[in-house]
Amino acid sequence: MTVAASKAKPARERIIDAASTLFYQEGIRTVSVDAVVEKAGVTKKTLYYHFKSKDDLVAEYLSVRDQPNLKLFETWFESAEGDAADKVEAIFLGLAKSARHPKWKGCGFLRTAAELANLPGHPAMKIGSGHKKKFEDWLAKQFGEKRIADPAAIARQVVLLMDGAFSTMLIHRDAAYAEEAGRAAKSIVRACLGTEPRR
């Protein structure tokens, strides 16, 4: 994007774009409001006109990631061939591919939660929790439609594997962990296929 095109964006959007890039690349505690202001090409007064505090900006950073991330998982699932087990594995294979990109820095929701672990009431923590729960509920719905017994429990097991893969990949910088987690998720789902969900 050219400088001119960037300047054509509304100030609020430029602030969110700048914060999203910096927070994801460097972490929310490391990045100052001044750094966001400089990258967005706005004044500090303008930033505080749109956001009451840095905390509100952090919350918005996660909020704008919510639907695109969920849509990406859904696309990986829906576009994969095979049964529900194959489709679940496809989500992990998509994660592994993303993790091999040089700019990949892990799950923004988990990284933010780690930085705010001592602030459970922070608005960003609530947004992160909501995001993870939406994905879990969506998975449970898919499993229920495939006649998998106790779809909510199986969805939770897959989520545990996913977040474990996110964390382990970040530590080791090895996308193979997501692929292995995908094989485990596939095995769990395949073992449950064709069984009636509990009423």
N, C-alpha and C. Protein backbone atom coordinates (compact mmCIF):
# COMPACT_ATOMS: atom_id res chain seq x y z
N MET A 1 0.84 -1.19 0.00
CA MET A 1 0.00 0.00 0.00
C MET A 1 0.88 1.24 0.00
N THR A 2 0.54 2.21 -0.84
CA THR A 2 1.33 3.43 -0.91
C THR A 2 1.01 4.32 0.28
N VAL A 3 1.91 5.30 0.51
CA VAL A 3 1.68 6.24 1.60
C VAL A 3 0.39 7.01 1.36
N ALA A 4 0.18 7.41 0.10
CA ALA A 4 -1.03 8.17 -0.23
C ALA A 4 -2.28 7.36 0.05
N ALA A 5 -2.25 6.07 -0.32
CA ALA A 5 -3.42 5.22 -0.09
C ALA A 5 -3.66 5.04 1.40
N SER A 6 -2.56 4.90 2.15
CA SER A 6 -2.68 4.75 3.59
C SER A 6 -3.30 5.99 4.22
N LYS A 7 -2.84 7.18 3.77
CA LYS A 7 -3.35 8.43 4.32
C LYS A 7 -4.83 8.62 3.99
N ALA A 8 -5.29 7.98 2.91
CA ALA A 8 -6.69 8.11 2.51
C ALA A 8 -7.61 7.36 3.46
N LYS A 9 -7.09 6.42 4.21
CA LYS A 9 -7.90 5.69 5.17
C LYS A 9 -8.32 6.61 6.32
N PRO A 10 -9.49 6.35 6.89
CA PRO A 10 -9.88 7.13 8.09
C PRO A 10 -8.86 6.93 9.21
N ALA A 11 -8.71 7.94 10.03
CA ALA A 11 -7.70 7.90 11.10
C ALA A 11 -7.89 6.70 12.02
N ARG A 12 -9.14 6.40 12.38
CA ARG A 12 -9.39 5.29 13.29
C ARG A 12 -8.88 3.97 12.69
N GLU A 13 -9.12 3.80 11.41
CA GLU A 13 -8.68 2.58 10.73
C GLU A 13 -7.17 2.50 10.68
N ARG A 14 -6.51 3.64 10.44
CA ARG A 14 -5.05 3.66 10.41
C ARG A 14 -4.47 3.32 11.78
N ILE A 15 -5.11 3.80 12.82
CA ILE A 15 -4.65 3.50 14.18
C ILE A 15 -4.77 2.01 14.46
N ILE A 16 -5.91 1.43 14.10
CA ILE A 16 -6.12 0.00 14.33
C ILE A 16 -5.12 -0.83 13.52
N ASP A 17 -4.91 -0.46 12.27
CA ASP A 17 -3.93 -1.17 11.43
C ASP A 17 -2.54 -1.13 12.04
N ALA A 18 -2.14 0.07 12.48
CA ALA A 18 -0.81 0.24 13.07
C ALA A 18 -0.69 -0.56 14.36
N ALA A 19 -1.69 -0.47 15.22
CA ALA A 19 -1.66 -1.20 16.49
C ALA A 19 -1.64 -2.70 16.25
N SER A 20 -2.43 -3.16 15.30
CA SER A 20 -2.49 -4.60 15.01
C SER A 20 -1.13 -5.13 14.57
N THR A 21 -0.48 -4.39 13.68
CA THR A 21 0.83 -4.80 13.20
C THR A 21 1.86 -4.81 14.33
N LEU A 22 1.90 -3.73 15.08
CA LEU A 22 2.91 -3.61 16.15
C LEU A 22 2.65 -4.57 17.30
N PHE A 23 1.40 -4.67 17.73
CA PHE A 23 1.08 -5.57 18.85
C PHE A 23 1.39 -7.02 18.49
N TYR A 24 1.06 -7.40 17.27
CA TYR A 24 1.31 -8.78 16.87
C TYR A 24 2.80 -9.05 16.73
N GLN A 25 3.54 -8.10 16.16
CA GLN A 25 4.96 -8.31 15.92
C GLN A 25 5.78 -8.23 17.21
N GLU A 26 5.43 -7.31 18.10
CA GLU A 26 6.31 -6.99 19.22
C GLU A 26 5.71 -7.26 20.60
N GLY A 27 4.40 -7.47 20.69
CA GLY A 27 3.75 -7.68 21.98
C GLY A 27 3.12 -6.40 22.49
N ILE A 28 2.06 -6.55 23.26
CA ILE A 28 1.29 -5.37 23.66
C ILE A 28 2.00 -4.52 24.71
N ARG A 29 2.77 -5.13 25.57
CA ARG A 29 3.44 -4.34 26.62
C ARG A 29 4.65 -3.58 26.07
N THR A 30 5.29 -4.16 25.07
CA THR A 30 6.48 -3.52 24.49
C THR A 30 6.13 -2.28 23.68
N VAL A 31 4.98 -2.32 23.02
CA VAL A 31 4.60 -1.25 22.10
C VAL A 31 3.94 -0.10 22.86
N SER A 32 4.47 1.09 22.68
CA SER A 32 3.92 2.27 23.35
C SER A 32 2.86 2.94 22.48
N VAL A 33 2.07 3.78 23.11
CA VAL A 33 1.09 4.58 22.37
C VAL A 33 1.82 5.47 21.36
N ASP A 34 2.97 5.99 21.75
CA ASP A 34 3.75 6.84 20.84
C ASP A 34 4.15 6.08 19.58
N ALA A 35 4.50 4.81 19.73
CA ALA A 35 4.88 4.00 18.56
C ALA A 35 3.70 3.80 17.63
N VAL A 36 2.52 3.58 18.20
CA VAL A 36 1.31 3.42 17.39
C VAL A 36 0.99 4.71 16.65
N VAL A 37 1.08 5.82 17.37
CA VAL A 37 0.81 7.14 16.79
C VAL A 37 1.74 7.40 15.60
N GLU A 38 3.01 7.10 15.80
CA GLU A 38 4.00 7.34 14.73
C GLU A 38 3.71 6.48 13.51
N LYS A 39 3.43 5.21 13.73
CA LYS A 39 3.19 4.31 12.60
C LYS A 39 1.89 4.67 11.87
N ALA A 40 0.89 5.10 12.63
CA ALA A 40 -0.41 5.44 12.03
C ALA A 40 -0.39 6.80 11.34
N GLY A 41 0.58 7.62 11.68
CA GLY A 41 0.65 8.96 11.08
C GLY A 41 -0.43 9.89 11.61
N VAL A 42 -0.74 9.75 12.92
CA VAL A 42 -1.75 10.61 13.54
C VAL A 42 -1.14 11.24 14.79
N THR A 43 -1.88 12.16 15.39
CA THR A 43 -1.42 12.75 16.64
C THR A 43 -1.94 11.91 17.81
N LYS A 44 -1.32 12.09 18.96
CA LYS A 44 -1.76 11.37 20.15
C LYS A 44 -3.19 11.80 20.51
N LYS A 45 -3.49 13.07 20.28
CA LYS A 45 -4.85 13.57 20.55
C LYS A 45 -5.87 12.83 19.70
N THR A 46 -5.50 12.56 18.44
CA THR A 46 -6.42 11.83 17.56
C THR A 46 -6.63 10.41 18.05
N LEU A 47 -5.55 9.76 18.48
CA LEU A 47 -5.69 8.40 18.99
C LEU A 47 -6.63 8.37 20.19
N TYR A 48 -6.43 9.31 21.11
CA TYR A 48 -7.27 9.29 22.31
C TYR A 48 -8.69 9.80 22.05
N TYR A 49 -8.89 10.42 20.90
CA TYR A 49 -10.26 10.77 20.50
C TYR A 49 -11.03 9.49 20.15
N HIS A 50 -10.34 8.54 19.52
CA HIS A 50 -10.99 7.30 19.09
C HIS A 50 -10.94 6.20 20.16
N PHE A 51 -9.92 6.22 21.00
CA PHE A 51 -9.75 5.18 22.02
C PHE A 51 -9.43 5.85 23.36
N LYS A 52 -10.19 5.49 24.38
CA LYS A 52 -10.01 6.13 25.69
C LYS A 52 -8.67 5.81 26.31
N SER A 53 -8.14 4.63 25.98
CA SER A 53 -6.89 4.20 26.61
C SER A 53 -6.20 3.17 25.72
N LYS A 54 -4.97 2.86 26.08
CA LYS A 54 -4.26 1.79 25.37
C LYS A 54 -4.99 0.46 25.57
N ASP A 55 -5.58 0.25 26.73
CA ASP A 55 -6.33 -0.98 26.99
C ASP A 55 -7.46 -1.15 25.98
N ASP A 56 -8.16 -0.07 25.68
CA ASP A 56 -9.24 -0.12 24.70
C ASP A 56 -8.70 -0.46 23.31
N LEU A 57 -7.52 0.06 23.00
CA LEU A 57 -6.89 -0.22 21.71
C LEU A 57 -6.46 -1.69 21.62
N VAL A 58 -5.95 -2.23 22.71
CA VAL A 58 -5.57 -3.64 22.74
C VAL A 58 -6.81 -4.52 22.53
N ALA A 59 -7.90 -4.15 23.17
CA ALA A 59 -9.15 -4.90 23.00
C ALA A 59 -9.62 -4.86 21.55
N GLU A 60 -9.50 -3.70 20.94
CA GLU A 60 -9.93 -3.58 19.54
C GLU A 60 -9.02 -4.38 18.61
N TYR A 61 -7.74 -4.43 18.94
CA TYR A 61 -6.79 -5.23 18.17
C TYR A 61 -7.26 -6.69 18.09
N LEU A 62 -7.70 -7.24 19.20
CA LEU A 62 -8.19 -8.62 19.18
C LEU A 62 -9.56 -8.71 18.53
N SER A 63 -10.38 -7.71 18.76
CA SER A 63 -11.73 -7.73 18.20
C SER A 63 -11.72 -7.81 16.67
N VAL A 64 -10.80 -7.07 16.05
CA VAL A 64 -10.76 -7.08 14.59
C VAL A 64 -10.16 -8.38 14.04
N ARG A 65 -9.48 -9.14 14.88
CA ARG A 65 -8.93 -10.43 14.46
C ARG A 65 -9.95 -11.56 14.58
N ASP A 66 -10.98 -11.34 15.37
CA ASP A 66 -11.93 -12.39 15.72
C ASP A 66 -12.57 -13.06 14.50
N GLN A 67 -13.36 -12.34 13.76
CA GLN A 67 -14.09 -12.95 12.64
C GLN A 67 -13.19 -13.44 11.51
N PRO A 68 -12.16 -12.68 11.11
CA PRO A 68 -11.27 -13.20 10.06
C PRO A 68 -10.62 -14.53 10.44
N ASN A 69 -10.19 -14.67 11.69
CA ASN A 69 -9.57 -15.93 12.12
C ASN A 69 -10.58 -17.07 12.11
N LEU A 70 -11.78 -16.82 12.63
CA LEU A 70 -12.81 -17.85 12.64
C LEU A 70 -13.19 -18.26 11.22
N LYS A 71 -13.27 -17.28 10.34
CA LYS A 71 -13.61 -17.56 8.94
C LYS A 71 -12.53 -18.40 8.28
N LEU A 72 -11.28 -18.13 8.62
CA LEU A 72 -10.18 -18.89 8.04
C LEU A 72 -10.26 -20.36 8.47
N PHE A 73 -10.51 -20.60 9.76
CA PHE A 73 -10.65 -21.98 10.23
C PHE A 73 -11.81 -22.68 9.52
N GLU A 74 -12.90 -21.96 9.37
CA GLU A 74 -14.08 -22.52 8.71
C GLU A 74 -13.77 -22.85 7.25
N THR A 75 -13.02 -21.97 6.58
CA THR A 75 -12.66 -22.20 5.18
C THR A 75 -11.79 -23.44 5.04
N TRP A 76 -10.80 -23.56 5.92
CA TRP A 76 -9.93 -24.75 5.88
C TRP A 76 -10.75 -26.02 6.09
N PHE A 77 -11.69 -25.98 7.00
CA PHE A 77 -12.53 -27.14 7.31
C PHE A 77 -13.44 -27.47 6.12
N GLU A 78 -14.14 -26.48 5.62
CA GLU A 78 -15.13 -26.71 4.57
C GLU A 78 -14.51 -27.10 3.24
N SER A 79 -13.33 -26.58 2.95
CA SER A 79 -12.73 -26.83 1.64
C SER A 79 -11.99 -28.16 1.56
N ALA A 80 -11.76 -28.78 2.71
CA ALA A 80 -11.03 -30.06 2.72
C ALA A 80 -11.94 -31.20 2.26
N GLU A 81 -11.36 -32.13 1.54
CA GLU A 81 -12.10 -33.32 1.12
C GLU A 81 -12.10 -34.34 2.25
N GLY A 82 -13.05 -35.27 2.20
CA GLY A 82 -13.10 -36.34 3.18
C GLY A 82 -14.16 -36.12 4.24
N ASP A 83 -14.05 -36.90 5.31
CA ASP A 83 -15.03 -36.83 6.39
C ASP A 83 -14.63 -35.77 7.42
N ALA A 84 -15.38 -35.73 8.51
CA ALA A 84 -15.11 -34.70 9.54
C ALA A 84 -13.71 -34.82 10.11
N ALA A 85 -13.18 -36.05 10.21
CA ALA A 85 -11.83 -36.25 10.73
C ALA A 85 -10.80 -35.62 9.81
N ASP A 86 -10.97 -35.82 8.50
CA ASP A 86 -10.06 -35.20 7.53
C ASP A 86 -10.16 -33.68 7.57
N LYS A 87 -11.37 -33.19 7.74
CA LYS A 87 -11.59 -31.74 7.74
C LYS A 87 -10.98 -31.08 8.97
N VAL A 88 -11.06 -31.78 10.10
CA VAL A 88 -10.43 -31.25 11.31
C VAL A 88 -8.91 -31.21 11.14
N GLU A 89 -8.36 -32.27 10.58
CA GLU A 89 -6.91 -32.28 10.35
C GLU A 89 -6.50 -31.14 9.43
N ALA A 90 -7.36 -30.80 8.47
CA ALA A 90 -7.04 -29.72 7.53
C ALA A 90 -6.84 -28.39 8.23
N ILE A 91 -7.56 -28.17 9.33
CA ILE A 91 -7.37 -26.93 10.09
C ILE A 91 -5.94 -26.87 10.63
N PHE A 92 -5.47 -27.98 11.16
CA PHE A 92 -4.12 -28.03 11.70
C PHE A 92 -3.06 -27.90 10.60
N LEU A 93 -3.35 -28.49 9.44
CA LEU A 93 -2.41 -28.36 8.32
C LEU A 93 -2.35 -26.91 7.85
N GLY A 94 -3.50 -26.23 7.89
CA GLY A 94 -3.51 -24.80 7.57
C GLY A 94 -2.69 -24.00 8.56
N LEU A 95 -2.81 -24.35 9.84
CA LEU A 95 -2.01 -23.67 10.86
C LEU A 95 -0.52 -23.89 10.64
N ALA A 96 -0.17 -25.14 10.30
CA ALA A 96 1.25 -25.45 10.07
C ALA A 96 1.80 -24.64 8.91
N LYS A 97 1.01 -24.51 7.86
CA LYS A 97 1.45 -23.72 6.71
C LYS A 97 1.63 -22.26 7.10
N SER A 98 0.69 -21.73 7.87
CA SER A 98 0.80 -20.34 8.32
C SER A 98 2.04 -20.14 9.20
N ALA A 99 2.31 -21.13 10.05
CA ALA A 99 3.44 -21.02 10.98
C ALA A 99 4.78 -21.03 10.28
N ARG A 100 4.81 -21.51 9.06
CA ARG A 100 6.07 -21.52 8.32
C ARG A 100 6.37 -20.17 7.66
N HIS A 101 5.42 -19.26 7.72
CA HIS A 101 5.66 -17.92 7.17
C HIS A 101 6.60 -17.17 8.11
N PRO A 102 7.59 -16.47 7.57
CA PRO A 102 8.57 -15.79 8.44
C PRO A 102 7.97 -14.75 9.38
N LYS A 103 6.80 -14.21 9.06
CA LYS A 103 6.19 -13.19 9.92
C LYS A 103 5.26 -13.78 10.98
N TRP A 104 5.14 -15.11 11.01
CA TRP A 104 4.24 -15.74 11.97
C TRP A 104 4.80 -15.60 13.38
N LYS A 105 3.95 -15.15 14.30
CA LYS A 105 4.37 -14.93 15.69
C LYS A 105 3.46 -15.66 16.68
N GLY A 106 2.73 -16.66 16.21
CA GLY A 106 1.85 -17.40 17.11
C GLY A 106 0.44 -16.87 17.10
N CYS A 107 -0.34 -17.33 18.04
CA CYS A 107 -1.74 -16.92 18.18
C CYS A 107 -1.79 -15.60 18.95
N GLY A 108 -2.30 -14.56 18.31
CA GLY A 108 -2.38 -13.26 18.95
C GLY A 108 -3.23 -13.29 20.22
N PHE A 109 -4.26 -14.12 20.23
CA PHE A 109 -5.13 -14.21 21.39
C PHE A 109 -4.40 -14.84 22.59
N LEU A 110 -3.66 -15.91 22.33
CA LEU A 110 -2.93 -16.57 23.41
C LEU A 110 -1.78 -15.70 23.90
N ARG A 111 -1.08 -15.06 22.98
CA ARG A 111 0.04 -14.21 23.40
C ARG A 111 -0.45 -13.04 24.24
N THR A 112 -1.58 -12.45 23.84
CA THR A 112 -2.14 -11.34 24.61
C THR A 112 -2.59 -11.82 25.99
N ALA A 113 -3.22 -12.99 26.04
CA ALA A 113 -3.66 -13.55 27.33
C ALA A 113 -2.47 -13.78 28.25
N ALA A 114 -1.36 -14.23 27.69
CA ALA A 114 -0.16 -14.46 28.51
C ALA A 114 0.36 -13.15 29.09
N GLU A 115 0.31 -12.09 28.29
CA GLU A 115 0.79 -10.79 28.77
C GLU A 115 -0.15 -10.17 29.80
N LEU A 116 -1.42 -10.56 29.75
CA LEU A 116 -2.42 -9.98 30.65
C LEU A 116 -2.89 -10.98 31.70
N ALA A 117 -2.08 -12.00 31.95
CA ALA A 117 -2.50 -13.07 32.86
C ALA A 117 -2.87 -12.57 34.25
N ASN A 118 -2.27 -11.47 34.68
CA ASN A 118 -2.58 -10.93 36.02
C ASN A 118 -3.73 -9.94 35.98
N LEU A 119 -4.38 -9.80 34.82
CA LEU A 119 -5.51 -8.86 34.67
C LEU A 119 -6.71 -9.59 34.04
N PRO A 120 -7.30 -10.54 34.76
CA PRO A 120 -8.38 -11.34 34.18
C PRO A 120 -9.60 -10.54 33.75
N GLY A 121 -9.78 -9.35 34.32
CA GLY A 121 -10.93 -8.53 33.95
C GLY A 121 -10.68 -7.60 32.77
N HIS A 122 -9.48 -7.63 32.22
CA HIS A 122 -9.14 -6.76 31.08
C HIS A 122 -10.07 -7.06 29.91
N PRO A 123 -10.56 -6.01 29.23
CA PRO A 123 -11.48 -6.26 28.11
C PRO A 123 -10.91 -7.16 27.02
N ALA A 124 -9.61 -7.11 26.81
CA ALA A 124 -9.00 -7.98 25.79
C ALA A 124 -9.07 -9.45 26.21
N MET A 125 -9.00 -9.72 27.52
CA MET A 125 -9.12 -11.09 27.99
C MET A 125 -10.50 -11.64 27.70
N LYS A 126 -11.51 -10.81 27.85
CA LYS A 126 -12.88 -11.23 27.57
C LYS A 126 -13.08 -11.49 26.08
N ILE A 127 -12.48 -10.66 25.26
CA ILE A 127 -12.58 -10.85 23.81
C ILE A 127 -11.86 -12.14 23.39
N GLY A 128 -10.68 -12.37 23.96
CA GLY A 128 -9.94 -13.59 23.66
C GLY A 128 -10.69 -14.84 24.07
N SER A 129 -11.26 -14.79 25.26
CA SER A 129 -12.05 -15.92 25.76
C SER A 129 -13.25 -16.17 24.86
N GLY A 130 -13.91 -15.09 24.46
CA GLY A 130 -15.07 -15.21 23.57
C GLY A 130 -14.70 -15.81 22.23
N HIS A 131 -13.55 -15.41 21.70
CA HIS A 131 -13.08 -15.92 20.42
C HIS A 131 -12.85 -17.43 20.49
N LYS A 132 -12.14 -17.86 21.53
CA LYS A 132 -11.85 -19.29 21.68
C LYS A 132 -13.14 -20.10 21.87
N LYS A 133 -14.08 -19.53 22.62
CA LYS A 133 -15.35 -20.24 22.87
C LYS A 133 -16.18 -20.33 21.59
N LYS A 134 -16.16 -19.29 20.78
CA LYS A 134 -16.91 -19.33 19.51
C LYS A 134 -16.39 -20.43 18.60
N PHE A 135 -15.07 -20.57 18.55
CA PHE A 135 -14.49 -21.63 17.73
C PHE A 135 -14.89 -23.00 18.27
N GLU A 136 -14.81 -23.15 19.58
CA GLU A 136 -15.17 -24.42 20.21
C GLU A 136 -16.65 -24.77 19.94
N ASP A 137 -17.52 -23.77 20.07
CA ASP A 137 -18.95 -24.00 19.83
C ASP A 137 -19.21 -24.33 18.37
N TRP A 138 -18.48 -23.65 17.47
CA TRP A 138 -18.65 -23.94 16.04
C TRP A 138 -18.24 -25.38 15.74
N LEU A 139 -17.11 -25.81 16.30
CA LEU A 139 -16.66 -27.20 16.11
C LEU A 139 -17.70 -28.18 16.65
N ALA A 140 -18.23 -27.91 17.83
CA ALA A 140 -19.23 -28.79 18.43
C ALA A 140 -20.45 -28.91 17.52
N LYS A 141 -20.83 -27.81 16.90
CA LYS A 141 -21.97 -27.83 15.97
C LYS A 141 -21.67 -28.72 14.76
N GLN A 142 -20.46 -28.60 14.21
CA GLN A 142 -20.08 -29.44 13.08
C GLN A 142 -20.10 -30.92 13.48
N PHE A 143 -19.59 -31.21 14.66
CA PHE A 143 -19.54 -32.61 15.12
C PHE A 143 -20.94 -33.16 15.39
N GLY A 144 -21.80 -32.32 15.94
CA GLY A 144 -23.17 -32.75 16.18
C GLY A 144 -23.88 -33.11 14.89
N GLU A 145 -23.63 -32.34 13.85
CA GLU A 145 -24.24 -32.61 12.55
C GLU A 145 -23.71 -33.89 11.93
N LYS A 146 -22.52 -34.31 12.36
CA LYS A 146 -21.91 -35.55 11.84
C LYS A 146 -22.21 -36.75 12.74
N ARG A 147 -23.16 -36.58 13.67
CA ARG A 147 -23.61 -37.67 14.53
C ARG A 147 -22.50 -38.19 15.44
N ILE A 148 -21.65 -37.28 15.88
CA ILE A 148 -20.58 -37.65 16.81
C ILE A 148 -21.11 -37.55 18.24
N ALA A 149 -20.86 -38.60 19.04
CA ALA A 149 -21.32 -38.60 20.42
C ALA A 149 -20.59 -37.53 21.23
N ASP A 150 -21.34 -36.85 22.08
CA ASP A 150 -20.80 -35.81 22.96
C ASP A 150 -19.94 -34.81 22.18
N PRO A 151 -20.53 -34.14 21.20
CA PRO A 151 -19.76 -33.25 20.32
C PRO A 151 -19.04 -32.13 21.07
N ALA A 152 -19.64 -31.65 22.18
CA ALA A 152 -19.00 -30.57 22.93
C ALA A 152 -17.68 -31.02 23.55
N ALA A 153 -17.66 -32.25 24.06
CA ALA A 153 -16.43 -32.77 24.67
C ALA A 153 -15.36 -33.00 23.61
N ILE A 154 -15.74 -33.51 22.46
CA ILE A 154 -14.77 -33.76 21.38
C ILE A 154 -14.23 -32.43 20.86
N ALA A 155 -15.10 -31.44 20.74
CA ALA A 155 -14.65 -30.11 20.30
C ALA A 155 -13.64 -29.54 21.29
N ARG A 156 -13.89 -29.73 22.57
CA ARG A 156 -12.97 -29.23 23.58
C ARG A 156 -11.61 -29.93 23.48
N GLN A 157 -11.62 -31.21 23.21
CA GLN A 157 -10.36 -31.95 23.05
C GLN A 157 -9.57 -31.41 21.85
N VAL A 158 -10.27 -31.12 20.77
CA VAL A 158 -9.59 -30.58 19.59
C VAL A 158 -9.02 -29.20 19.88
N VAL A 159 -9.77 -28.38 20.60
CA VAL A 159 -9.29 -27.04 20.97
C VAL A 159 -8.04 -27.13 21.83
N LEU A 160 -8.03 -28.07 22.76
CA LEU A 160 -6.84 -28.27 23.59
C LEU A 160 -5.62 -28.63 22.74
N LEU A 161 -5.83 -29.49 21.76
CA LEU A 161 -4.74 -29.86 20.85
C LEU A 161 -4.28 -28.64 20.04
N MET A 162 -5.25 -27.83 19.61
CA MET A 162 -4.89 -26.67 18.80
C MET A 162 -4.08 -25.66 19.59
N ASP A 163 -4.57 -25.32 20.78
CA ASP A 163 -3.85 -24.31 21.56
C ASP A 163 -2.51 -24.85 22.05
N GLY A 164 -2.44 -26.17 22.29
CA GLY A 164 -1.16 -26.78 22.61
C GLY A 164 -0.19 -26.68 21.44
N ALA A 165 -0.72 -26.88 20.23
CA ALA A 165 0.12 -26.77 19.03
C ALA A 165 0.61 -25.34 18.84
N PHE A 166 -0.29 -24.36 19.04
CA PHE A 166 0.10 -22.95 18.94
C PHE A 166 1.27 -22.65 19.88
N SER A 167 1.12 -23.06 21.13
CA SER A 167 2.14 -22.76 22.13
C SER A 167 3.47 -23.47 21.85
N THR A 168 3.39 -24.74 21.49
CA THR A 168 4.61 -25.51 21.24
C THR A 168 5.33 -25.04 19.99
N MET A 169 4.57 -24.67 18.96
CA MET A 169 5.21 -24.13 17.75
C MET A 169 5.93 -22.83 18.06
N LEU A 170 5.34 -22.02 18.92
CA LEU A 170 5.98 -20.75 19.26
C LEU A 170 7.29 -20.96 20.00
N ILE A 171 7.32 -21.98 20.85
CA ILE A 171 8.54 -22.28 21.61
C ILE A 171 9.63 -22.85 20.71
N HIS A 172 9.27 -23.84 19.89
CA HIS A 172 10.26 -24.56 19.10
C HIS A 172 10.44 -24.04 17.67
N ARG A 173 9.50 -23.17 17.24
CA ARG A 173 9.54 -22.68 15.86
C ARG A 173 9.54 -23.85 14.88
N ASP A 174 8.69 -24.82 15.15
CA ASP A 174 8.62 -26.03 14.33
C ASP A 174 7.16 -26.34 14.04
N ALA A 175 6.74 -26.13 12.80
CA ALA A 175 5.35 -26.33 12.40
C ALA A 175 4.93 -27.79 12.42
N ALA A 176 5.89 -28.70 12.52
CA ALA A 176 5.57 -30.12 12.56
C ALA A 176 4.70 -30.46 13.78
N TYR A 177 4.78 -29.65 14.83
CA TYR A 177 3.95 -29.90 16.01
C TYR A 177 2.46 -29.74 15.67
N ALA A 178 2.13 -28.79 14.81
CA ALA A 178 0.74 -28.62 14.40
C ALA A 178 0.29 -29.81 13.56
N GLU A 179 1.18 -30.31 12.72
CA GLU A 179 0.84 -31.47 11.89
C GLU A 179 0.59 -32.70 12.77
N GLU A 180 1.43 -32.86 13.79
CA GLU A 180 1.25 -34.00 14.70
C GLU A 180 -0.04 -33.86 15.50
N ALA A 181 -0.31 -32.66 15.96
CA ALA A 181 -1.57 -32.41 16.68
C ALA A 181 -2.76 -32.67 15.77
N GLY A 182 -2.61 -32.35 14.49
CA GLY A 182 -3.67 -32.61 13.53
C GLY A 182 -3.95 -34.10 13.38
N ARG A 183 -2.88 -34.89 13.39
CA ARG A 183 -3.07 -36.35 13.30
C ARG A 183 -3.78 -36.87 14.54
N ALA A 184 -3.45 -36.30 15.70
CA ALA A 184 -4.12 -36.72 16.93
C ALA A 184 -5.59 -36.33 16.91
N ALA A 185 -5.88 -35.12 16.46
CA ALA A 185 -7.27 -34.67 16.37
C ALA A 185 -8.06 -35.54 15.39
N LYS A 186 -7.42 -35.86 14.28
CA LYS A 186 -8.06 -36.71 13.28
C LYS A 186 -8.42 -38.08 13.88
N SER A 187 -7.51 -38.65 14.65
CA SER A 187 -7.76 -39.95 15.27
C SER A 187 -8.92 -39.89 16.26
N ILE A 188 -8.97 -38.82 17.04
CA ILE A 188 -10.06 -38.67 18.02
C ILE A 188 -11.41 -38.58 17.30
N VAL A 189 -11.47 -37.75 16.28
CA VAL A 189 -12.74 -37.55 15.57
C VAL A 189 -13.13 -38.80 14.81
N ARG A 190 -12.17 -39.43 14.16
CA ARG A 190 -12.48 -40.63 13.38
C ARG A 190 -13.05 -41.73 14.26
N ALA A 191 -12.52 -41.85 15.47
CA ALA A 191 -13.00 -42.89 16.40
C ALA A 191 -14.44 -42.64 16.82
N CYS A 192 -14.89 -41.40 16.70
CA CYS A 192 -16.24 -41.05 17.14
C CYS A 192 -17.26 -40.97 16.02
N LEU A 193 -16.82 -41.04 14.79
CA LEU A 193 -17.74 -40.90 13.66
C LEU A 193 -18.78 -42.00 13.63
N GLY A 194 -19.98 -41.62 13.31
CA GLY A 194 -21.05 -42.59 13.17
C GLY A 194 -21.75 -42.96 14.46
N THR A 195 -21.33 -42.36 15.58
CA THR A 195 -21.99 -42.64 16.84
C THR A 195 -23.03 -41.57 17.10
N GLU A 196 -24.10 -41.93 17.76
CA GLU A 196 -25.18 -40.99 18.01
C GLU A 196 -24.80 -40.00 19.13
N PRO A 197 -25.08 -38.70 18.90
CA PRO A 197 -24.82 -37.74 19.99
C PRO A 197 -25.77 -37.99 21.16
N ARG A 198 -25.28 -37.68 22.36
CA ARG A 198 -26.12 -37.86 23.54
C ARG A 198 -27.21 -36.81 23.56
N ARG A 199 -28.38 -37.23 24.04
CA ARG A 199 -29.52 -36.31 24.11
C ARG A 199 -29.65 -35.75 25.52
